[in-house]
Amino acid sequence: MSSKPSKKYQRLDQHTDFNEEDSNSSSANPFQDDAEIGDLELDGRNRAHAGDSEQRSGYTTRSDSFDDIVIDIDSISNEHERKSNLKSAFFNMSNSIIGAGVIGMPRAFKNSGLLTGIVLLMVLTFLNDWTLRLIIINTKLSGERTYTGFVNHSFGDLGKIVVLLAQGFFGFGGNIGFSVIIGDSIPHVLRSIFKDAILNHKSVDFLLSRNVLICVCIMGISYPLSLTRDISKLSRASGLALVSMSIILLIVVFRGPLISSDLKGNISGSAWFINSNIFQSISVISFALVCHHNTTFIYDSLRHPTLDRFNKVTHYACVISGAVCGVMAVCGYLTFGSKTKGNILNNFPSDDWVANIARFCFGLNMLTTFPLEIFVVRAVVKDLIVIFKRRQPGNEDYEQDVLTNRQHLITTTVLTVLPMTVALFTCNLGAILELVGATSASLLAYILPPMCLLKVTWSSKTTLQKIPSFMCIAFGFSVMFLSSTQTIISAIRNSDNDGHCVE
């Protein structure tokens, strides 16, 4: 640090007391622009006592003296401008939740029964709201800044490996689902446009077949996008995602009742109330609601990050996202009944031009979302390489910020080809969402957050206070094992004719 700062630096040569209550009271309206709130807040993730964490909405640190501290005013201003207000954070979290899993919601209600599905969605929305807030509490208690960091703080390298594998499988499984959706959408749009050419030329029929177009689209569009190291270049994909999901929701609600009755099934008897595949339903709903791996990034994006402000974002985002999932699930299941498929768009005929608009938008969205998951899994691979290297004698201090060019190319290629290959052999999106939801989503949402909370607050909590965490952990493991077993058995029994493809 320079002893003679330039004019753009200012020195704090006084005792300073940061009072959080004062900063909170400065904003009577919880959704006012954060620009009106003070720029300076000490990092709340400094080591804090567990007892204090239960009494305060956020952490600030007091120092007896701030002599010789130099602050870059321009840097603070620039960082402040890059931060988001509550509205932006709300949209970011909602966009993280409302994704590919939403189109599997009607199938989830078919698995559980209509009434049970509604109850499950409400309970899981509440549970996800709680565990999302629990993640930020864990970061404050542990003094870490990331999900991986506080799990590593609680359970060491083993915990870090587990959470990395869970995040990696969530991204990898998501890309399998995206590949299936691409195969269920874009080929049918193109085949409806070139219907006459397909009838007259076998070569056109082959080129526009499902598997060929999956390979062409992913290797021709998603793979080159995945090779870039700058994730900001893909940021506009979120806008396309919201547009496509809005179109799909409107089509299911208003177009679904108008299609031929031959494509619709019935709801009778116990299907109105409860069905046997409840745990499979929980897995799909969990996949649709989980965005826990993005939580710390959304929290850090706030200009004035406190628990109270983040709680508001979480409550609104979970309620709105749960409502969207509910509308999709109820309308889709009531329309198609026993014939509801894992991808609700597959219930519409391939020559329905209205549905094809939704298929085309959603297919393009998946092509641009696919690389985003590659970024996540690639970061997981890099962290696992660092852990492996440090275990070798003499490499205890090994560091690697980014993958080498060779590692980058090999990792990206493998992570692109494997999900694409799986999608060539199945269009059962429901089973994929169930498996990913049962395993990685359960770990990320229902098991690791309460386990870490128990670890860091064990001595300060009473037995009664620990019960919610124990119940959440038991629920997560139950979903993991029972749902995975049900899904695998169901997939094996229906492997010859799964009935999930577009008719």
Foldseek 3Di string as FASTA:
>chain_A
DDPDDDPQKDFDFDFDDDDVVVQVVQDPDLQDFCVSGDQDFADQQAADAPVVLVPDQTHGDGDRGRGPDMDRNVVSVVLLVQFGTLVVLLLVLLLLQAFPLLLQLQVLLLAWFPARSLVLLVVVLVLLLVLLLLQVSLSNNQSHQASLVSLCSQPNPVSSLQLLVLLLLLLLLVLLLLLLLLLQFDLLLVCLVCVVVVVVDVVVVVCSHSLNRSCCLLVVFLLVVLLDPDCVVLVCLSVLRVVLLVLVLVCLQPVLQVDDCVLADDQDDCSNPTHDLNLLSSLSSLSSGDPSNCSSVSQVSHSDRTNVSSSVSSVVSSVVSSVSSSSSNVSLCNRRPPLQASRSLLSDASNPVSSNVSSVSSSVSSSSVSSVSLNSNQVSVQVVVLVVQCVDPPCVVPDDPHDDSVSSVVSSVVSSPVSSVSSSQDSRSSLSSSLSSLPSSLCSRQASSLVSVCSSCVVPDDPVRSVVNVVSNVVSNCSNPPSNVVSVVVCVVCVVPVSRHRD
